[in-house]
Amino acid sequence: MKHSRRFNEISKQVNPEKYYPLPDAVGLTKKLATAKFDETVEMHFRLGIDPRHSDQQVRSTVLLPHGLGKTVRVLVFAEGEEARAAESAGADIVGGDEILDRIQKENWMDFDAALATPAMMKKVGRVARVLGPRGLMPNPKAGTVVPAEDLGRAVNELKAGRVEFRNDKTGNLHIPVGKASFDAEKLAENAQAVLEAVVRVKPAGVKGQYVRRVVVTSTMGPSVHVEYTGV
């Protein structure tokens, strides 16, 4: 892969043979985020799972202490009294069949996160093929299928920086931890919360090393290896 001159220059500041403590890795990544926009800082995990097995899937959420640094538009699939509860909870968009029709017929995706009440899930299933690949399909395991009385908490958490993560088909995780414009300390605290969340959901069926490699990077920056000797 051919890189830009800027990328090649900043890459010289990273020792590819060194594994940095997490706060140092985050601080270096922030320093090297020199693109002309506010880059996203991400953590990437290589896991020792076999994603072909259903008992080795990794999927959960993490509430970042300092959020993601962006406005999150929350859609709630709800009808009747539950729709009114969603509106009171602060959801940006609330609807049922009309919203599902827009997604299905127009490929409408003007939202960042979606919740659904249990009563709506039979209807929401018809757009699973559209929402699923984009990580927007409500799912009980991810805490995005919630009863009306819990909508306020769920909406507030999504707006505050709750991030869902799940392994891809190669057994990797890719999780944003904030913006490069964040204070290094806040970025490090978000990154620590992500690491702890990933470790916490280790599948029982995993044999051997669970977290094999962790790197921190920004949107347009080089990867920085993280020192990790846990599970």
C-alpha atoms as a PDB file:
ATOM      1  CA  MET A   1       0.000   0.000   0.000  1.00  0.00           C
ATOM      2  CA  LYS A   2       1.304   3.428  -0.950  1.00  0.00           C
ATOM      3  CA  HIS A   3       1.093   6.047   1.805  1.00  0.00           C
ATOM      4  CA  SER A   4       1.250   9.842   1.682  1.00  0.00           C
ATOM      5  CA  ARG A   5       4.341  11.796   2.623  1.00  0.00           C
ATOM      6  CA  ARG A   6       2.574  13.034   5.759  1.00  0.00           C
ATOM      7  CA  PHE A   7       1.771   9.467   6.844  1.00  0.00           C
ATOM      8  CA  ASN A   8       5.321   8.286   6.207  1.00  0.00           C
ATOM      9  CA  GLU A   9       6.760  11.153   8.238  1.00  0.00           C
ATOM     10  CA  ILE A  10       4.550  10.683  11.299  1.00  0.00           C
ATOM     11  CA  SER A  11       5.029   6.890  11.167  1.00  0.00           C
ATOM     12  CA  LYS A  12       8.721   7.430  11.965  1.00  0.00           C
ATOM     13  CA  GLN A  13       7.664   8.448  15.476  1.00  0.00           C
ATOM     14  CA  VAL A  14       6.188   5.002  16.161  1.00  0.00           C
ATOM     15  CA  ASN A  15       8.465   2.105  17.049  1.00  0.00           C
ATOM     16  CA  PRO A  16       6.803  -0.886  15.307  1.00  0.00           C
ATOM     17  CA  GLU A  17       8.615  -3.307  17.628  1.00  0.00           C
ATOM     18  CA  LYS A  18       7.452  -1.610  20.827  1.00  0.00           C
ATOM     19  CA  TYR A  19       4.296  -2.286  22.832  1.00  0.00           C
ATOM     20  CA  TYR A  20       3.216   0.902  24.593  1.00  0.00           C
ATOM     21  CA  PRO A  21       1.241   1.167  27.857  1.00  0.00           C
ATOM     22  CA  LEU A  22      -2.342   2.130  26.962  1.00  0.00           C
ATOM     23  CA  PRO A  23      -2.152   5.794  28.116  1.00  0.00           C
ATOM     24  CA  ASP A  24       1.107   6.247  26.169  1.00  0.00           C
ATOM     25  CA  ALA A  25      -0.346   4.580  23.065  1.00  0.00           C
ATOM     26  CA  VAL A  26      -3.380   6.850  23.192  1.00  0.00           C
ATOM     27  CA  GLY A  27      -1.251   9.944  23.781  1.00  0.00           C
ATOM     28  CA  LEU A  28       1.008   9.125  20.839  1.00  0.00           C
ATOM     29  CA  THR A  29      -1.986   8.444  18.597  1.00  0.00           C
ATOM     30  CA  LYS A  30      -3.465  11.820  19.522  1.00  0.00           C
ATOM     31  CA  LYS A  31      -0.157  13.542  18.778  1.00  0.00           C
ATOM     32  CA  LEU A  32       0.051  11.908  15.349  1.00  0.00           C
ATOM     33  CA  ALA A  33      -3.518  12.801  14.324  1.00  0.00           C
ATOM     34  CA  THR A  34      -2.425  15.643  12.060  1.00  0.00           C
ATOM     35  CA  ALA A  35      -5.035  15.468   9.306  1.00  0.00           C
ATOM     36  CA  LYS A  36      -7.060  18.566   8.449  1.00  0.00           C
ATOM     37  CA  PHE A  37     -10.136  17.307  10.295  1.00  0.00           C
ATOM     38  CA  ASP A  38     -10.872  16.015  13.778  1.00  0.00           C
ATOM     39  CA  GLU A  39      -9.886  12.374  13.417  1.00  0.00           C
ATOM     40  CA  THR A  40     -11.596   9.560  15.296  1.00  0.00           C
ATOM     41  CA  VAL A  41      -9.387   7.532  17.621  1.00  0.00           C
ATOM     42  CA  GLU A  42     -10.112   3.800  17.451  1.00  0.00           C
ATOM     43  CA  MET A  43      -9.069   0.575  19.165  1.00  0.00           C
ATOM     44  CA  HIS A  44      -8.702  -2.616  17.157  1.00  0.00           C
ATOM     45  CA  PHE A  45      -8.580  -6.030  18.811  1.00  0.00           C
ATOM     46  CA  ARG A  46      -7.337  -9.330  17.403  1.00  0.00           C
ATOM     47  CA  LEU A  47      -9.196 -11.965  19.413  1.00  0.00           C
ATOM     48  CA  GLY A  48      -8.444 -15.629  19.927  1.00  0.00           C
ATOM     49  CA  ILE A  49     -11.988 -16.683  19.067  1.00  0.00           C
ATOM     50  CA  ASP A  50     -13.352 -18.886  16.323  1.00  0.00           C
ATOM     51  CA  PRO A  51     -16.145 -16.727  14.860  1.00  0.00           C
ATOM     52  CA  ARG A  52     -17.619 -19.765  13.117  1.00  0.00           C
ATOM     53  CA  HIS A  53     -18.930 -20.986  16.482  1.00  0.00           C
ATOM     54  CA  SER A  54     -22.034 -19.387  17.985  1.00  0.00           C
ATOM     55  CA  ASP A  55     -20.657 -19.758  21.528  1.00  0.00           C
ATOM     56  CA  GLN A  56     -17.596 -17.666  20.679  1.00  0.00           C
ATOM     57  CA  GLN A  57     -19.309 -14.523  19.445  1.00  0.00           C
ATOM     58  CA  VAL A  58     -18.359 -11.263  21.147  1.00  0.00           C
ATOM     59  CA  ARG A  59     -21.105  -8.666  21.269  1.00  0.00           C
ATOM     60  CA  SER A  60     -21.830  -6.076  23.920  1.00  0.00           C
ATOM     61  CA  THR A  61     -21.886  -2.355  24.655  1.00  0.00           C
ATOM     62  CA  VAL A  62     -19.693   0.063  26.567  1.00  0.00           C
ATOM     63  CA  LEU A  63     -20.606   3.446  28.019  1.00  0.00           C
ATOM     64  CA  LEU A  64     -17.672   5.758  27.325  1.00  0.00           C
ATOM     65  CA  PRO A  65     -17.002   8.053  30.320  1.00  0.00           C
ATOM     66  CA  HIS A  66     -16.452  11.062  28.042  1.00  0.00           C
ATOM     67  CA  GLY A  67     -18.658  10.170  25.087  1.00  0.00           C
ATOM     68  CA  LEU A  68     -17.707  10.066  21.427  1.00  0.00           C
ATOM     69  CA  GLY A  69     -17.624  13.773  20.751  1.00  0.00           C
ATOM     70  CA  LYS A  70     -20.530  13.794  18.335  1.00  0.00           C
ATOM     71  CA  THR A  71     -24.283  14.329  18.349  1.00  0.00           C
ATOM     72  CA  VAL A  72     -26.105  11.008  18.229  1.00  0.00           C
ATOM     73  CA  ARG A  73     -29.503  10.896  16.510  1.00  0.00           C
ATOM     74  CA  VAL A  74     -31.579   8.175  18.166  1.00  0.00           C
ATOM     75  CA  LEU A  75     -34.467   6.433  16.434  1.00  0.00           C
ATOM     76  CA  VAL A  76     -37.004   4.471  18.486  1.00  0.00           C
ATOM     77  CA  PHE A  77     -39.345   1.981  16.856  1.00  0.00           C
ATOM     78  CA  ALA A  78     -42.533   2.310  18.911  1.00  0.00           C
ATOM     79  CA  GLU A  79     -46.261   2.878  18.535  1.00  0.00           C
ATOM     80  CA  GLY A  80     -49.136   4.140  20.676  1.00  0.00           C
ATOM     81  CA  GLU A  81     -48.391   4.813  24.323  1.00  0.00           C
ATOM     82  CA  GLU A  82     -44.853   3.466  23.868  1.00  0.00           C
ATOM     83  CA  ALA A  83     -44.232   6.034  21.122  1.00  0.00           C
ATOM     84  CA  ARG A  84     -45.287   8.812  23.467  1.00  0.00           C
ATOM     85  CA  ALA A  85     -42.950   7.410  26.110  1.00  0.00           C
ATOM     86  CA  ALA A  86     -40.093   7.435  23.560  1.00  0.00           C
ATOM     87  CA  GLU A  87     -40.794  11.065  22.670  1.00  0.00           C
ATOM     88  CA  SER A  88     -40.793  11.981  26.358  1.00  0.00           C
ATOM     89  CA  ALA A  89     -37.492  10.126  26.747  1.00  0.00           C
ATOM     90  CA  GLY A  90     -35.855  12.483  24.242  1.00  0.00           C
ATOM     91  CA  ALA A  91     -35.664  10.291  21.134  1.00  0.00           C
ATOM     92  CA  ASP A  92     -34.978  12.274  17.954  1.00  0.00           C
ATOM     93  CA  ILE A  93     -37.203  10.122  15.727  1.00  0.00           C
ATOM     94  CA  VAL A  94     -40.101   7.908  16.794  1.00  0.00           C
ATOM     95  CA  GLY A  95     -42.267   5.778  14.554  1.00  0.00           C
ATOM     96  CA  GLY A  96     -43.560   2.431  13.423  1.00  0.00           C
ATOM     97  CA  ASP A  97     -44.775   1.301  10.017  1.00  0.00           C
ATOM     98  CA  GLU A  98     -44.118   4.635   8.296  1.00  0.00           C
ATOM     99  CA  ILE A  99     -40.462   4.641   9.379  1.00  0.00           C
ATOM    100  CA  LEU A 100     -40.039   0.976   8.451  1.00  0.00           C
ATOM    101  CA  ASP A 101     -41.471   1.702   4.998  1.00  0.00           C
ATOM    102  CA  ARG A 102     -38.980   4.552   4.478  1.00  0.00           C
ATOM    103  CA  ILE A 103     -36.065   2.310   5.445  1.00  0.00           C
ATOM    104  CA  GLN A 104     -37.293  -0.573   3.287  1.00  0.00           C
ATOM    105  CA  LYS A 105     -38.327   1.404   0.195  1.00  0.00           C
ATOM    106  CA  GLU A 106     -36.030   4.438   0.282  1.00  0.00           C
ATOM    107  CA  ASN A 107     -33.024   3.022   2.158  1.00  0.00           C
ATOM    108  CA  TRP A 108     -33.481   5.909   4.602  1.00  0.00           C
ATOM    109  CA  MET A 109     -30.742   5.982   7.238  1.00  0.00           C
ATOM    110  CA  ASP A 110     -30.792   9.461   8.774  1.00  0.00           C
ATOM    111  CA  PHE A 111     -30.025   8.256  12.320  1.00  0.00           C
ATOM    112  CA  ASP A 112     -27.021   6.978  14.284  1.00  0.00           C
ATOM    113  CA  ALA A 113     -28.575   4.453  16.668  1.00  0.00           C
ATOM    114  CA  ALA A 114     -31.854   2.578  16.932  1.00  0.00           C
ATOM    115  CA  LEU A 115     -33.934   1.224  19.805  1.00  0.00           C
ATOM    116  CA  ALA A 116     -37.120  -0.797  19.725  1.00  0.00           C
ATOM    117  CA  THR A 117     -39.732  -1.869  22.222  1.00  0.00           C
ATOM    118  CA  PRO A 118     -40.318  -5.634  22.461  1.00  0.00           C
ATOM    119  CA  ALA A 119     -43.781  -5.287  20.896  1.00  0.00           C
ATOM    120  CA  MET A 120     -42.239  -3.788  17.731  1.00  0.00           C
ATOM    121  CA  MET A 121     -39.622  -6.446  17.061  1.00  0.00           C
ATOM    122  CA  LYS A 122     -41.838  -8.598  14.830  1.00  0.00           C
ATOM    123  CA  LYS A 123     -42.329  -5.625  12.543  1.00  0.00           C
ATOM    124  CA  VAL A 124     -38.722  -4.431  12.748  1.00  0.00           C
ATOM    125  CA  GLY A 125     -37.569  -7.862  11.578  1.00  0.00           C
ATOM    126  CA  ARG A 126     -38.541  -6.979   8.026  1.00  0.00           C
ATOM    127  CA  VAL A 127     -35.693  -4.445   7.783  1.00  0.00           C
ATOM    128  CA  ALA A 128     -33.089  -6.633   9.510  1.00  0.00           C
ATOM    129  CA  ARG A 129     -31.206  -7.172   6.239  1.00  0.00           C
ATOM    130  CA  VAL A 130     -30.891  -3.419   5.813  1.00  0.00           C
ATOM    131  CA  LEU A 131     -30.052  -2.453   9.393  1.00  0.00           C
ATOM    132  CA  GLY A 132     -28.010  -5.508  10.389  1.00  0.00           C
ATOM    133  CA  PRO A 133     -24.943  -4.945   8.170  1.00  0.00           C
ATOM    134  CA  ARG A 134     -24.795  -1.324   9.372  1.00  0.00           C
ATOM    135  CA  GLY A 135     -24.891  -2.291  13.047  1.00  0.00           C
ATOM    136  CA  LEU A 136     -28.244  -0.546  13.521  1.00  0.00           C
ATOM    137  CA  MET A 137     -30.576  -3.499  14.086  1.00  0.00           C
ATOM    138  CA  PRO A 138     -32.059  -3.489  17.614  1.00  0.00           C
ATOM    139  CA  ASN A 139     -30.999  -6.560  19.547  1.00  0.00           C
ATOM    140  CA  PRO A 140     -31.692  -7.663  23.131  1.00  0.00           C
ATOM    141  CA  LYS A 141     -28.065  -8.760  23.606  1.00  0.00           C
ATOM    142  CA  ALA A 142     -26.899  -5.249  22.794  1.00  0.00           C
ATOM    143  CA  GLY A 143     -29.426  -3.639  25.114  1.00  0.00           C
ATOM    144  CA  THR A 144     -31.284  -1.938  22.244  1.00  0.00           C
ATOM    145  CA  VAL A 145     -34.605  -3.735  22.718  1.00  0.00           C
ATOM    146  CA  VAL A 146     -36.066  -2.122  25.828  1.00  0.00           C
ATOM    147  CA  PRO A 147     -39.479  -1.789  27.487  1.00  0.00           C
ATOM    148  CA  ALA A 148     -41.140   1.617  27.548  1.00  0.00           C
ATOM    149  CA  GLU A 149     -40.173   2.277  31.176  1.00  0.00           C
ATOM    150  CA  ASP A 150     -36.457   1.921  30.296  1.00  0.00           C
ATOM    151  CA  LEU A 151     -36.472   4.105  27.183  1.00  0.00           C
ATOM    152  CA  GLY A 152     -35.311   7.212  29.044  1.00  0.00           C
ATOM    153  CA  ARG A 153     -32.208   5.474  30.354  1.00  0.00           C
ATOM    154  CA  ALA A 154     -31.440   3.819  27.006  1.00  0.00           C
ATOM    155  CA  VAL A 155     -31.833   7.035  24.982  1.00  0.00           C
ATOM    156  CA  ASN A 156     -29.699   9.004  27.454  1.00  0.00           C
ATOM    157  CA  GLU A 157     -26.929   6.385  27.363  1.00  0.00           C
ATOM    158  CA  LEU A 158     -26.814   6.383  23.563  1.00  0.00           C
ATOM    159  CA  LYS A 159     -26.620  10.161  23.460  1.00  0.00           C
ATOM    160  CA  ALA A 160     -23.957  10.169  26.196  1.00  0.00           C
ATOM    161  CA  GLY A 161     -21.675   7.799  24.291  1.00  0.00           C
ATOM    162  CA  ARG A 162     -22.795   4.191  24.613  1.00  0.00           C
ATOM    163  CA  VAL A 163     -21.063   2.204  21.878  1.00  0.00           C
ATOM    164  CA  GLU A 164     -22.064  -1.229  20.625  1.00  0.00           C
ATOM    165  CA  PHE A 165     -19.343  -3.606  19.453  1.00  0.00           C
ATOM    166  CA  ARG A 166     -19.309  -7.057  17.880  1.00  0.00           C
ATOM    167  CA  ASN A 167     -16.653  -9.207  16.272  1.00  0.00           C
ATOM    168  CA  ASP A 168     -16.378  -9.361  12.500  1.00  0.00           C
ATOM    169  CA  LYS A 169     -16.109 -12.601  10.541  1.00  0.00           C
ATOM    170  CA  THR A 170     -12.324 -12.713  11.053  1.00  0.00           C
ATOM    171  CA  GLY A 171     -12.550 -12.470  14.857  1.00  0.00           C
ATOM    172  CA  ASN A 172     -11.564  -8.798  15.107  1.00  0.00           C
ATOM    173  CA  LEU A 173     -13.163  -5.873  16.934  1.00  0.00           C
ATOM    174  CA  HIS A 174     -13.103  -2.237  15.807  1.00  0.00           C
ATOM    175  CA  ILE A 175     -14.277   0.262  18.426  1.00  0.00           C
ATOM    176  CA  PRO A 176     -14.164   4.098  18.409  1.00  0.00           C
ATOM    177  CA  VAL A 177     -13.021   5.729  21.657  1.00  0.00           C
ATOM    178  CA  GLY A 178     -13.365   9.441  20.903  1.00  0.00           C
ATOM    179  CA  LYS A 179     -11.976  12.326  18.874  1.00  0.00           C
ATOM    180  CA  ALA A 180      -8.348  13.368  18.550  1.00  0.00           C
ATOM    181  CA  SER A 181      -9.347  16.796  19.907  1.00  0.00           C
ATOM    182  CA  PHE A 182     -10.181  15.230  23.298  1.00  0.00           C
ATOM    183  CA  ASP A 183      -7.759  15.688  26.175  1.00  0.00           C
ATOM    184  CA  ALA A 184      -5.299  12.793  26.246  1.00  0.00           C
ATOM    185  CA  GLU A 185      -6.472  11.838  29.746  1.00  0.00           C
ATOM    186  CA  LYS A 186     -10.123  11.614  28.647  1.00  0.00           C
ATOM    187  CA  LEU A 187      -9.181   9.564  25.598  1.00  0.00           C
ATOM    188  CA  ALA A 188      -7.174   7.195  27.788  1.00  0.00           C
ATOM    189  CA  GLU A 189     -10.105   6.773  30.192  1.00  0.00           C
ATOM    190  CA  ASN A 190     -12.431   5.974  27.293  1.00  0.00           C
ATOM    191  CA  ALA A 191      -9.897   3.485  25.926  1.00  0.00           C
ATOM    192  CA  GLN A 192      -9.543   1.819  29.334  1.00  0.00           C
ATOM    193  CA  ALA A 193     -13.333   1.462  29.551  1.00  0.00           C
ATOM    194  CA  VAL A 194     -13.352  -0.214  26.128  1.00  0.00           C
ATOM    195  CA  LEU A 195     -10.566  -2.623  27.080  1.00  0.00           C
ATOM    196  CA  GLU A 196     -12.337  -3.608  30.289  1.00  0.00           C
ATOM    197  CA  ALA A 197     -15.636  -4.096  28.457  1.00  0.00           C
ATOM    198  CA  VAL A 198     -14.036  -6.396  25.877  1.00  0.00           C
ATOM    199  CA  VAL A 199     -12.299  -8.480  28.546  1.00  0.00           C
ATOM    200  CA  ARG A 200     -15.507  -8.701  30.574  1.00  0.00           C
ATOM    201  CA  VAL A 201     -17.417 -10.469  27.778  1.00  0.00           C
ATOM    202  CA  LYS A 202     -14.862 -13.194  27.058  1.00  0.00           C
ATOM    203  CA  PRO A 203     -16.859 -16.201  25.760  1.00  0.00           C
ATOM    204  CA  ALA A 204     -16.667 -19.312  27.937  1.00  0.00           C
ATOM    205  CA  GLY A 205     -15.788 -21.444  24.923  1.00  0.00           C
ATOM    206  CA  VAL A 206     -12.530 -19.620  24.149  1.00  0.00           C
ATOM    207  CA  LYS A 207      -9.392 -21.687  24.675  1.00  0.00           C
ATOM    208  CA  GLY A 208      -5.988 -20.074  25.112  1.00  0.00           C
ATOM    209  CA  GLN A 209      -5.277 -16.373  24.774  1.00  0.00           C
ATOM    210  CA  TYR A 210      -8.455 -14.328  24.321  1.00  0.00           C
ATOM    211  CA  VAL A 211      -7.000 -10.870  23.529  1.00  0.00           C
ATOM    212  CA  ARG A 212      -4.089 -11.543  21.195  1.00  0.00           C
ATOM    213  CA  ARG A 213      -3.303  -8.020  20.047  1.00  0.00           C
ATOM    214  CA  VAL A 214      -4.538  -4.484  20.656  1.00  0.00           C
ATOM    215  CA  VAL A 215      -3.675  -1.417  18.608  1.00  0.00           C
ATOM    216  CA  VAL A 216      -4.747   2.212  18.809  1.00  0.00           C
ATOM    217  CA  THR A 217      -4.948   4.356  15.708  1.00  0.00           C
ATOM    218  CA  SER A 218      -6.605   7.476  14.343  1.00  0.00           C
ATOM    219  CA  THR A 219      -8.554   7.748  11.095  1.00  0.00           C
ATOM    220  CA  MET A 220      -5.530   8.804   9.052  1.00  0.00           C
ATOM    221  CA  GLY A 221      -2.691   7.780  11.355  1.00  0.00           C
ATOM    222  CA  PRO A 222      -0.416   4.771  11.915  1.00  0.00           C
ATOM    223  CA  SER A 223      -1.209   1.941  14.341  1.00  0.00           C
ATOM    224  CA  VAL A 224       0.366   1.949  17.802  1.00  0.00           C
ATOM    225  CA  HIS A 225       0.704  -1.437  19.530  1.00  0.00           C
ATOM    226  CA  VAL A 226      -0.669  -1.634  23.075  1.00  0.00           C
ATOM    227  CA  GLU A 227       1.077  -3.501  25.846  1.00  0.00           C
ATOM    228  CA  TYR A 228      -1.384  -6.067  27.200  1.00  0.00           C
ATOM    229  CA  THR A 229      -0.712  -9.251  29.165  1.00  0.00           C
ATOM    230  CA  GLY A 230      -4.189 -10.161  30.430  1.00  0.00           C
ATOM    231  CA  VAL A 231      -6.591 -12.899  29.323  1.00  0.00           C
END
